[in-house]
Amino acid sequence: MQIPLVFMNFWAQVHDLPPGFFSEVVARQFGNFIDKIIEYDTK
């Protein structure tokens, strides 16, 4: 039996960003780059 992979959530962590890159705008741009963002945390 084969099951097609249609959608899967991944947790992506980005390290060592300069301080000016910790923002909602950058998080959403990164999410859009990888296709779709579900949620983000800039802590």
Foldseek 3Di string as FASTA:
>chain_A
DDDDDDDDDDDDDDPDDPPVCLDPVNVQVVQVVVPHDDDDDSD
